[in-house]
Amino acid sequence: MSFAGMMIQNAKVVPALEPQTMAGADTGPWVSMKGYDRIGILVYIAQGAVNTTAITVDRATNVSGADIDTGITLNHWWHITDTATGASDTWVKGVAAAAITSSATGTDASMYYIEVDADDLVTGVSAFGPKYDCVRLAVGASNVGNILAAVYVMHPSRYAQAVSPTPSALID
């Protein structure tokens, strides 16, 4: 069996938000998409309270957050909401929006998957405007009874690597 085709060798997985209570708003680290065609952001919320949270993605021109543009339009996102672990694996496509509002049932768990194409980051920017190539996840405050965690999965690498690992996403 060849391991050259393994996902971990062709994608960069970066923690976005460590498991945490949702007492306050939070943002993940900025990641650079210079070396990748797209990014998937997987958000997992274990619900213990009947409060929603806003889930958004911001863009910037570097991993320090320069020229930040908050709440870009999320054209490609899916969700599995209010489901006990192992009860469903059916993703439902969401409607394009600048923010996703999480479920508020207060029971079970929900997952949200957002995919952003690197080319979409320049949409609406003039040829002389900022060159956006960095993104970060942002979540609004909810309730300490809700637990959230998230990861970034960047893929595929734009540049062939002679050896693993894939290009760093934490530096410009």
C-alpha atoms as a PDB file:
ATOM      1  CA  MET A   1       0.000   0.000   0.000  1.00  0.00           C
ATOM      2  CA  SER A   2       1.304   3.431  -0.967  1.00  0.00           C
ATOM      3  CA  PHE A   3       0.948   6.215   1.577  1.00  0.00           C
ATOM      4  CA  ALA A   4       1.526   9.070  -0.902  1.00  0.00           C
ATOM      5  CA  GLY A   5      -2.212   9.475  -1.341  1.00  0.00           C
ATOM      6  CA  MET A   6      -3.067   9.705   2.355  1.00  0.00           C
ATOM      7  CA  MET A   7      -5.138  12.775   3.250  1.00  0.00           C
ATOM      8  CA  ILE A   8      -2.748  13.938   5.973  1.00  0.00           C
ATOM      9  CA  GLN A   9       0.042  14.099   3.375  1.00  0.00           C
ATOM     10  CA  ASN A  10      -2.036  16.244   1.038  1.00  0.00           C
ATOM     11  CA  ALA A  11      -3.856  18.511   3.484  1.00  0.00           C
ATOM     12  CA  LYS A  12      -2.900  20.800   6.342  1.00  0.00           C
ATOM     13  CA  VAL A  13      -4.974  20.340   9.508  1.00  0.00           C
ATOM     14  CA  VAL A  14      -4.720  23.285  11.919  1.00  0.00           C
ATOM     15  CA  PRO A  15      -6.608  23.717  15.207  1.00  0.00           C
ATOM     16  CA  ALA A  16      -9.017  26.646  14.880  1.00  0.00           C
ATOM     17  CA  LEU A  17     -10.598  26.693  18.347  1.00  0.00           C
ATOM     18  CA  GLU A  18      -9.811  24.342  21.233  1.00  0.00           C
ATOM     19  CA  PRO A  19     -12.817  22.772  22.970  1.00  0.00           C
ATOM     20  CA  GLN A  20     -14.281  25.541  25.101  1.00  0.00           C
ATOM     21  CA  THR A  21     -17.434  26.857  26.703  1.00  0.00           C
ATOM     22  CA  MET A  22     -19.136  29.531  24.674  1.00  0.00           C
ATOM     23  CA  ALA A  23     -19.420  32.182  27.391  1.00  0.00           C
ATOM     24  CA  GLY A  24     -17.773  34.790  25.164  1.00  0.00           C
ATOM     25  CA  ALA A  25     -17.019  35.474  21.520  1.00  0.00           C
ATOM     26  CA  ASP A  26     -13.776  34.045  20.134  1.00  0.00           C
ATOM     27  CA  THR A  27     -11.689  33.895  16.975  1.00  0.00           C
ATOM     28  CA  GLY A  28      -9.362  31.258  15.621  1.00  0.00           C
ATOM     29  CA  PRO A  29      -5.857  31.996  14.384  1.00  0.00           C
ATOM     30  CA  TRP A  30      -5.345  33.501  10.963  1.00  0.00           C
ATOM     31  CA  VAL A  31      -4.235  30.944   8.368  1.00  0.00           C
ATOM     32  CA  SER A  32      -2.691  31.667   4.980  1.00  0.00           C
ATOM     33  CA  MET A  33      -4.162  30.046   1.891  1.00  0.00           C
ATOM     34  CA  LYS A  34      -1.210  30.968  -0.324  1.00  0.00           C
ATOM     35  CA  GLY A  35      -0.217  27.303  -0.556  1.00  0.00           C
ATOM     36  CA  TYR A  36      -3.743  25.847  -0.839  1.00  0.00           C
ATOM     37  CA  ASP A  37      -6.728  25.911  -3.178  1.00  0.00           C
ATOM     38  CA  ARG A  38      -9.397  25.755  -0.470  1.00  0.00           C
ATOM     39  CA  ILE A  39     -10.078  25.506   3.220  1.00  0.00           C
ATOM     40  CA  GLY A  40     -12.691  23.480   5.052  1.00  0.00           C
ATOM     41  CA  ILE A  41     -13.680  24.660   8.523  1.00  0.00           C
ATOM     42  CA  LEU A  42     -15.371  22.074  10.735  1.00  0.00           C
ATOM     43  CA  VAL A  43     -17.202  23.448  13.786  1.00  0.00           C
ATOM     44  CA  TYR A  44     -18.608  21.064  16.416  1.00  0.00           C
ATOM     45  CA  ILE A  45     -21.043  22.305  19.072  1.00  0.00           C
ATOM     46  CA  ALA A  46     -22.208  20.116  21.966  1.00  0.00           C
ATOM     47  CA  GLN A  47     -25.403  21.787  23.121  1.00  0.00           C
ATOM     48  CA  GLY A  48     -26.319  22.013  26.770  1.00  0.00           C
ATOM     49  CA  ALA A  49     -28.229  25.302  26.650  1.00  0.00           C
ATOM     50  CA  VAL A  50     -30.865  26.837  24.375  1.00  0.00           C
ATOM     51  CA  ASN A  51     -28.684  29.635  22.969  1.00  0.00           C
ATOM     52  CA  THR A  52     -27.516  30.232  19.403  1.00  0.00           C
ATOM     53  CA  THR A  53     -24.159  31.538  18.261  1.00  0.00           C
ATOM     54  CA  ALA A  54     -23.099  33.347  15.099  1.00  0.00           C
ATOM     55  CA  ILE A  55     -20.445  31.573  13.027  1.00  0.00           C
ATOM     56  CA  THR A  56     -18.543  33.781  10.570  1.00  0.00           C
ATOM     57  CA  VAL A  57     -15.318  33.773   8.538  1.00  0.00           C
ATOM     58  CA  ASP A  58     -13.110  36.847   8.155  1.00  0.00           C
ATOM     59  CA  ARG A  59     -10.463  37.548   5.505  1.00  0.00           C
ATOM     60  CA  ALA A  60      -7.206  39.531   5.623  1.00  0.00           C
ATOM     61  CA  THR A  61      -4.056  40.156   3.612  1.00  0.00           C
ATOM     62  CA  ASN A  62      -1.663  38.465   6.049  1.00  0.00           C
ATOM     63  CA  VAL A  63      -1.639  36.244   9.152  1.00  0.00           C
ATOM     64  CA  SER A  64      -1.435  39.345  11.365  1.00  0.00           C
ATOM     65  CA  GLY A  65      -4.948  40.333  10.232  1.00  0.00           C
ATOM     66  CA  ALA A  66      -4.023  43.341   8.074  1.00  0.00           C
ATOM     67  CA  ASP A  67      -6.840  44.863   5.980  1.00  0.00           C
ATOM     68  CA  ILE A  68      -9.412  42.715   7.798  1.00  0.00           C
ATOM     69  CA  ASP A  69     -12.791  42.222   6.136  1.00  0.00           C
ATOM     70  CA  THR A  70     -15.242  40.637   8.563  1.00  0.00           C
ATOM     71  CA  GLY A  71     -18.076  38.282   7.760  1.00  0.00           C
ATOM     72  CA  ILE A  72     -17.377  37.231   4.176  1.00  0.00           C
ATOM     73  CA  THR A  73     -20.260  35.565   2.326  1.00  0.00           C
ATOM     74  CA  LEU A  74     -20.297  31.833   3.019  1.00  0.00           C
ATOM     75  CA  ASN A  75     -21.467  30.312  -0.256  1.00  0.00           C
ATOM     76  CA  HIS A  76     -20.622  26.699   0.540  1.00  0.00           C
ATOM     77  CA  TRP A  77     -21.618  25.344   3.934  1.00  0.00           C
ATOM     78  CA  TRP A  78     -23.457  22.337   5.296  1.00  0.00           C
ATOM     79  CA  HIS A  79     -24.792  21.255   8.679  1.00  0.00           C
ATOM     80  CA  ILE A  80     -25.937  18.291  10.744  1.00  0.00           C
ATOM     81  CA  THR A  81     -27.968  19.760  13.595  1.00  0.00           C
ATOM     82  CA  ASP A  82     -29.519  18.513  16.807  1.00  0.00           C
ATOM     83  CA  THR A  83     -28.294  14.965  16.378  1.00  0.00           C
ATOM     84  CA  ALA A  84     -27.175  12.499  19.008  1.00  0.00           C
ATOM     85  CA  THR A  85     -23.720  11.072  18.284  1.00  0.00           C
ATOM     86  CA  GLY A  86     -24.015   8.360  15.654  1.00  0.00           C
ATOM     87  CA  ALA A  87     -27.692   9.101  14.912  1.00  0.00           C
ATOM     88  CA  SER A  88     -27.175  10.843  11.548  1.00  0.00           C
ATOM     89  CA  ASP A  89     -24.467  11.487   8.996  1.00  0.00           C
ATOM     90  CA  THR A  90     -26.633  13.376   6.499  1.00  0.00           C
ATOM     91  CA  TRP A  91     -25.321  16.852   5.710  1.00  0.00           C
ATOM     92  CA  VAL A  92     -27.814  19.551   4.671  1.00  0.00           C
ATOM     93  CA  LYS A  93     -26.614  22.412   2.431  1.00  0.00           C
ATOM     94  CA  GLY A  94     -27.057  25.856   3.936  1.00  0.00           C
ATOM     95  CA  VAL A  95     -28.102  29.052   2.146  1.00  0.00           C
ATOM     96  CA  ALA A  96     -25.365  31.576   1.284  1.00  0.00           C
ATOM     97  CA  ALA A  97     -24.998  34.170   4.043  1.00  0.00           C
ATOM     98  CA  ALA A  98     -22.416  36.282   5.864  1.00  0.00           C
ATOM     99  CA  ALA A  99     -23.139  34.380   9.101  1.00  0.00           C
ATOM    100  CA  ILE A 100     -24.483  31.010  10.158  1.00  0.00           C
ATOM    101  CA  THR A 101     -26.745  30.933  13.205  1.00  0.00           C
ATOM    102  CA  SER A 102     -26.333  27.721  15.180  1.00  0.00           C
ATOM    103  CA  SER A 103     -29.233  25.657  16.466  1.00  0.00           C
ATOM    104  CA  ALA A 104     -30.775  26.506  19.833  1.00  0.00           C
ATOM    105  CA  THR A 105     -32.465  23.294  20.970  1.00  0.00           C
ATOM    106  CA  GLY A 106     -30.161  22.807  23.947  1.00  0.00           C
ATOM    107  CA  THR A 107     -29.835  19.083  23.286  1.00  0.00           C
ATOM    108  CA  ASP A 108     -27.531  16.776  21.369  1.00  0.00           C
ATOM    109  CA  ALA A 109     -24.864  18.190  19.045  1.00  0.00           C
ATOM    110  CA  SER A 110     -24.467  20.053  15.775  1.00  0.00           C
ATOM    111  CA  MET A 111     -21.708  20.195  13.184  1.00  0.00           C
ATOM    112  CA  TYR A 112     -21.138  22.903  10.601  1.00  0.00           C
ATOM    113  CA  TYR A 113     -18.769  22.534   7.647  1.00  0.00           C
ATOM    114  CA  ILE A 114     -17.758  25.661   5.726  1.00  0.00           C
ATOM    115  CA  GLU A 115     -15.677  25.507   2.559  1.00  0.00           C
ATOM    116  CA  VAL A 116     -13.972  28.562   1.091  1.00  0.00           C
ATOM    117  CA  ASP A 117     -12.150  28.520  -2.232  1.00  0.00           C
ATOM    118  CA  ALA A 118      -9.021  30.694  -2.342  1.00  0.00           C
ATOM    119  CA  ASP A 119     -10.324  32.354  -5.516  1.00  0.00           C
ATOM    120  CA  ASP A 120     -13.481  33.415  -3.653  1.00  0.00           C
ATOM    121  CA  LEU A 121     -11.407  35.581  -1.313  1.00  0.00           C
ATOM    122  CA  VAL A 122     -10.806  38.112  -4.096  1.00  0.00           C
ATOM    123  CA  THR A 123     -14.480  38.376  -5.092  1.00  0.00           C
ATOM    124  CA  GLY A 124     -15.603  41.998  -4.995  1.00  0.00           C
ATOM    125  CA  VAL A 125     -12.060  43.380  -4.759  1.00  0.00           C
ATOM    126  CA  SER A 126     -10.723  45.686  -7.477  1.00  0.00           C
ATOM    127  CA  ALA A 127      -7.467  44.891  -9.248  1.00  0.00           C
ATOM    128  CA  PHE A 128      -5.826  47.589  -7.132  1.00  0.00           C
ATOM    129  CA  GLY A 129      -7.460  46.572  -3.848  1.00  0.00           C
ATOM    130  CA  PRO A 130      -6.148  44.374  -1.041  1.00  0.00           C
ATOM    131  CA  LYS A 131      -4.884  40.892  -1.941  1.00  0.00           C
ATOM    132  CA  TYR A 132      -6.804  38.698   0.477  1.00  0.00           C
ATOM    133  CA  ASP A 133      -5.328  35.247   1.084  1.00  0.00           C
ATOM    134  CA  CYS A 134      -5.804  34.659   4.824  1.00  0.00           C
ATOM    135  CA  VAL A 135      -8.882  33.587   6.784  1.00  0.00           C
ATOM    136  CA  ARG A 136      -9.996  32.966  10.354  1.00  0.00           C
ATOM    137  CA  LEU A 137     -13.065  31.586  12.058  1.00  0.00           C
ATOM    138  CA  ALA A 138     -15.069  33.830  14.396  1.00  0.00           C
ATOM    139  CA  VAL A 139     -17.856  32.721  16.739  1.00  0.00           C
ATOM    140  CA  GLY A 140     -20.175  34.820  18.834  1.00  0.00           C
ATOM    141  CA  ALA A 141     -20.946  34.413  22.522  1.00  0.00           C
ATOM    142  CA  SER A 142     -23.573  31.862  23.489  1.00  0.00           C
ATOM    143  CA  ASN A 143     -23.786  30.082  26.850  1.00  0.00           C
ATOM    144  CA  VAL A 144     -21.352  28.223  29.120  1.00  0.00           C
ATOM    145  CA  GLY A 145     -23.596  25.167  28.720  1.00  0.00           C
ATOM    146  CA  ASN A 146     -22.573  24.894  25.057  1.00  0.00           C
ATOM    147  CA  ILE A 147     -19.129  23.518  24.145  1.00  0.00           C
ATOM    148  CA  LEU A 148     -17.490  24.354  20.808  1.00  0.00           C
ATOM    149  CA  ALA A 149     -14.386  23.114  18.992  1.00  0.00           C
ATOM    150  CA  ALA A 150     -13.203  23.728  15.419  1.00  0.00           C
ATOM    151  CA  VAL A 151     -10.456  22.761  12.965  1.00  0.00           C
ATOM    152  CA  TYR A 152      -9.219  24.096   9.634  1.00  0.00           C
ATOM    153  CA  VAL A 153      -8.497  21.556   6.866  1.00  0.00           C
ATOM    154  CA  MET A 154      -6.591  23.158   4.001  1.00  0.00           C
ATOM    155  CA  HIS A 155      -6.334  21.229   0.736  1.00  0.00           C
ATOM    156  CA  PRO A 156      -5.060  20.511  -1.856  1.00  0.00           C
ATOM    157  CA  SER A 157      -1.566  21.926  -1.748  1.00  0.00           C
ATOM    158  CA  ARG A 158      -0.945  24.279  -4.697  1.00  0.00           C
ATOM    159  CA  TYR A 159       2.708  23.385  -4.947  1.00  0.00           C
ATOM    160  CA  ALA A 160       4.106  19.885  -5.197  1.00  0.00           C
ATOM    161  CA  GLN A 161       6.296  18.982  -2.276  1.00  0.00           C
ATOM    162  CA  ALA A 162       9.371  16.811  -2.769  1.00  0.00           C
ATOM    163  CA  VAL A 163       8.758  15.544   0.759  1.00  0.00           C
ATOM    164  CA  SER A 164       6.047  15.922   3.328  1.00  0.00           C
ATOM    165  CA  PRO A 165       4.984  18.054   5.178  1.00  0.00           C
ATOM    166  CA  THR A 166       2.590  20.278   3.295  1.00  0.00           C
ATOM    167  CA  PRO A 167       3.320  24.052   3.348  1.00  0.00           C
ATOM    168  CA  SER A 168       2.765  25.856   6.648  1.00  0.00           C
ATOM    169  CA  ALA A 169      -0.503  27.756   6.905  1.00  0.00           C
ATOM    170  CA  LEU A 170       0.565  29.838   9.914  1.00  0.00           C
ATOM    171  CA  ILE A 171       3.150  31.951   8.093  1.00  0.00           C
ATOM    172  CA  ASP A 172       2.817  34.208   5.046  1.00  0.00           C
END
